[in-house]
Each structure stands twice: as C-alpha cells, then as structure tokens.
Amino acid sequence: MEINPLNKISFSAPIIQSGEMNAGYIEFPFSVKEIFGTKGQVKVKALIDNKVSYRGSLANMGTGCHIMIIVKDIRAKIGKSFGDIVYVELEKDTDERIVEIPDDLLELFAYFPEIKIAFDKMSYTHRKEYINRLNEAKKLETCERRKLKMMDMLLKKG
C-alpha cells in the first residue's frame, strides 16, 4: 500500500465481473477498519488509471472485503474490461455531495412538492443517476418521457 502525504491510497486491482451481469468492481486490498476506522461504507474520491475521476463508495457487499464499483461508463473511458488491471488512487470523500438539478425539473418540483420530497430522500447516487439520464437524452421527447417516468416512480415511492 502506498499512502502519500495527501492521504491518498494507491493500488492496482483487477476488474471483477459481478456474476453474469455487465457490472464490475474492484476489491479494496486493505483493511477499511484500520485505514478509515469503520467497518461500514466509506465515501471516496478516486482517480482510475490516471484518467477518470469517480466519486463513489467502498462497501462491504458480502464478498469478504470492501469493493468499489467500476461502472460501464468508466470501463469504456479507460478502455478496460473484466479481468484487466486498473491503477487506483483514492481518498476519503468528505465533501458534500450535491446534484445539480436542471431548471425545468426545479419548476416541476415547485408544482409537485411531494415529488421533490421523494427525490430528496433518495441517495446521492440515485439522484445523480436520474439527472444524468435526463441530461444524456439526445432528443427533447426522450428527455420529457424520462422526466414523466421519473416523476411517476417518485410519486409511487412518496
């Protein structure tokens, strides 16, 4: 393990496929308890292969150690897949996690406060994924359809 003066931890690890899914993760090869003082989830900032920044978590998902998800988008950006080795530099993330909500969605939330309440109850990761999905729509119709689907889901949760 290499810990530099900025409390960044560096290591290399293979990307492991999660079952038959198109989902991958790496195992954190050190004791989270010893380094971070907890057995639970640890929010981290990571730089993968010196190319892609990622904010996520180290979590114990029953694999016997803490893992960090390597999402499909990151695997594409670094040009790696399951079995490939990645170089990771990470540190504990103590910054507040804020999702930038588009103005048109804020307007909808103003008309439907119960949807805003349900949205705010979601984890940072889920809120970020919903907003990214809206922002990635190439056509206005696709974005609007995704907004309606999101609102319907949030109404059912609320």
Protein backbone atom coordinates (compact mmCIF):
# COMPACT_ATOMS: atom_id res chain seq x y z
CA MET A 1 0.00 0.00 0.00
CA GLU A 2 1.16 3.46 -0.79
CA ILE A 3 -0.22 6.40 1.18
CA ASN A 4 1.11 9.76 0.07
CA PRO A 5 1.18 12.98 2.13
CA LEU A 6 -2.28 13.98 0.87
CA ASN A 7 -3.80 10.81 2.46
CA LYS A 8 -4.32 9.23 -0.95
CA ILE A 9 -4.08 5.47 -1.16
CA SER A 10 -2.72 3.91 -4.35
CA PHE A 11 -3.06 0.31 -5.52
CA SER A 12 -3.69 -1.86 -8.55
CA ALA A 13 -6.52 -4.38 -8.81
CA PRO A 14 -8.31 -6.44 -11.44
CA ILE A 15 -11.85 -5.54 -12.54
CA ILE A 16 -14.07 -8.40 -11.42
CA GLN A 17 -17.35 -9.21 -13.17
CA SER A 18 -20.35 -9.42 -10.86
CA GLY A 19 -21.93 -12.76 -11.73
CA GLU A 20 -23.35 -12.77 -15.26
CA MET A 21 -24.20 -9.07 -15.19
CA ASN A 22 -22.44 -6.35 -17.16
CA ALA A 23 -21.31 -4.93 -13.83
CA GLY A 24 -17.79 -4.75 -12.47
CA TYR A 25 -15.98 -3.90 -9.29
CA ILE A 26 -12.54 -3.94 -7.72
CA GLU A 27 -11.66 -5.23 -4.30
CA PHE A 28 -10.05 -2.79 -1.88
CA PRO A 29 -6.97 -4.76 -0.85
CA PHE A 30 -6.55 -3.19 2.61
CA SER A 31 -8.43 -3.08 5.91
CA VAL A 32 -11.06 -0.35 5.81
CA LYS A 33 -11.27 -0.61 9.60
CA GLU A 34 -7.54 0.11 10.01
CA ILE A 35 -7.37 2.91 7.45
CA PHE A 36 -10.74 4.63 7.87
CA GLY A 37 -11.75 3.48 11.36
CA THR A 38 -15.02 1.84 10.32
CA LYS A 39 -16.35 -1.49 9.12
CA GLY A 40 -19.12 0.25 7.19
CA GLN A 41 -19.37 2.10 3.92
CA VAL A 42 -16.77 4.79 3.16
CA LYS A 43 -17.40 7.56 0.63
CA VAL A 44 -14.35 8.05 -1.59
CA LYS A 45 -12.97 10.09 -4.44
CA ALA A 46 -10.91 8.04 -6.87
CA LEU A 47 -8.76 8.54 -9.93
CA ILE A 48 -8.77 5.44 -12.11
CA ASP A 49 -5.81 4.75 -14.41
CA ASN A 50 -4.79 8.41 -14.02
CA LYS A 51 -7.63 9.24 -16.45
CA VAL A 52 -11.09 9.15 -14.94
CA SER A 53 -12.30 10.73 -11.70
CA TYR A 54 -15.01 8.94 -9.77
CA ARG A 55 -16.98 9.64 -6.61
CA GLY A 56 -18.38 6.53 -5.04
CA SER A 57 -18.09 4.30 -2.02
CA LEU A 58 -16.14 1.42 -0.63
CA ALA A 59 -18.78 -1.01 0.59
CA ASN A 60 -18.79 -4.48 2.07
CA MET A 61 -21.18 -6.37 -0.18
CA GLY A 62 -20.61 -9.79 1.34
CA THR A 63 -17.52 -10.56 -0.74
CA GLY A 64 -15.29 -10.72 2.33
CA CYS A 65 -13.80 -7.30 1.71
CA HIS A 66 -14.83 -3.80 0.71
CA ILE A 67 -15.36 -3.19 -3.00
CA MET A 68 -15.68 -0.20 -5.31
CA ILE A 69 -17.98 -0.40 -8.32
CA ILE A 70 -16.37 0.32 -11.69
CA VAL A 71 -19.35 1.38 -13.81
CA LYS A 72 -19.64 0.60 -17.52
CA ASP A 73 -19.05 4.23 -18.47
CA ILE A 74 -15.72 4.30 -16.62
CA ARG A 75 -14.65 0.97 -18.14
CA ALA A 76 -15.35 2.43 -21.59
CA LYS A 77 -13.42 5.63 -20.85
CA ILE A 78 -10.32 3.74 -19.68
CA GLY A 79 -10.65 1.08 -22.39
CA LYS A 80 -10.69 -1.83 -19.95
CA SER A 81 -12.98 -4.70 -19.11
CA PHE A 82 -13.33 -7.62 -16.72
CA GLY A 83 -10.00 -9.17 -15.78
CA ASP A 84 -7.99 -6.08 -16.73
CA ILE A 85 -5.86 -4.41 -14.07
CA VAL A 86 -6.59 -0.81 -13.11
CA TYR A 87 -4.48 1.60 -11.11
CA VAL A 88 -6.48 3.41 -8.44
CA GLU A 89 -5.65 6.41 -6.31
CA LEU A 90 -8.33 7.18 -3.74
CA GLU A 91 -9.03 9.24 -0.67
CA LYS A 92 -11.90 9.63 1.75
CA ASP A 93 -14.54 11.97 0.34
CA THR A 94 -15.64 14.47 2.97
CA ASP A 95 -17.12 16.98 0.50
CA GLU A 96 -20.88 17.46 0.43
CA ARG A 97 -22.43 15.58 -2.47
CA ILE A 98 -24.63 17.91 -4.45
CA VAL A 99 -26.59 17.06 -7.59
CA GLU A 100 -27.22 19.97 -9.94
CA ILE A 101 -30.92 19.87 -10.82
CA PRO A 102 -31.88 21.38 -14.20
CA ASP A 103 -34.12 24.46 -14.06
CA ASP A 104 -37.03 22.78 -15.85
CA LEU A 105 -37.04 19.98 -13.28
CA LEU A 106 -36.91 22.51 -10.45
CA GLU A 107 -40.04 24.10 -11.95
CA LEU A 108 -41.79 20.72 -11.93
CA PHE A 109 -40.75 20.21 -8.32
CA ALA A 110 -42.33 23.57 -7.46
CA TYR A 111 -45.69 22.33 -8.81
CA PHE A 112 -45.31 18.89 -7.23
CA PRO A 113 -43.59 19.31 -3.84
CA GLU A 114 -44.30 15.67 -2.92
CA ILE A 115 -42.09 14.58 -5.83
CA LYS A 116 -39.30 16.89 -4.65
CA ILE A 117 -39.56 15.38 -1.15
CA ALA A 118 -39.28 11.85 -2.58
CA PHE A 119 -36.35 12.92 -4.79
CA ASP A 120 -34.53 14.45 -1.82
CA LYS A 121 -34.93 11.22 0.18
CA MET A 122 -33.03 9.27 -2.50
CA SER A 123 -29.31 8.63 -2.10
CA TYR A 124 -26.85 10.93 -3.82
CA THR A 125 -26.00 8.17 -6.31
CA HIS A 126 -29.63 7.59 -7.29
CA ARG A 127 -30.32 11.33 -7.65
CA LYS A 128 -27.17 11.70 -9.77
CA GLU A 129 -28.15 8.74 -11.98
CA TYR A 130 -31.63 10.18 -12.62
CA ILE A 131 -30.26 13.60 -13.53
CA ASN A 132 -27.54 12.10 -15.74
CA ARG A 133 -30.16 10.04 -17.53
CA LEU A 134 -32.17 13.18 -18.25
CA ASN A 135 -29.09 15.13 -19.37
CA GLU A 136 -27.92 12.31 -21.66
CA ALA A 137 -31.14 12.30 -23.70
CA LYS A 138 -30.36 13.36 -27.25
CA LYS A 139 -33.93 14.31 -28.14
CA LEU A 140 -36.28 16.57 -26.22
CA GLU A 141 -39.02 13.92 -26.48
CA THR A 142 -36.73 11.35 -24.84
CA CYS A 143 -35.91 13.74 -22.01
CA GLU A 144 -39.59 14.54 -21.43
CA ARG A 145 -40.52 10.84 -21.45
CA ARG A 146 -37.76 10.13 -18.91
CA LYS A 147 -38.96 13.01 -16.70
CA LEU A 148 -42.50 11.63 -16.69
CA LYS A 149 -41.25 8.15 -15.86
CA MET A 150 -39.10 9.53 -13.04
CA MET A 151 -41.99 11.58 -11.65
CA ASP A 152 -44.31 8.57 -11.75
CA MET A 153 -41.77 6.44 -9.90
CA LEU A 154 -41.23 9.14 -7.28
CA LEU A 155 -44.99 9.58 -6.75
CA LYS A 156 -45.30 5.85 -6.08
CA LYS A 157 -42.40 6.00 -3.58
CA GLY A 158 -43.60 9.16 -1.84
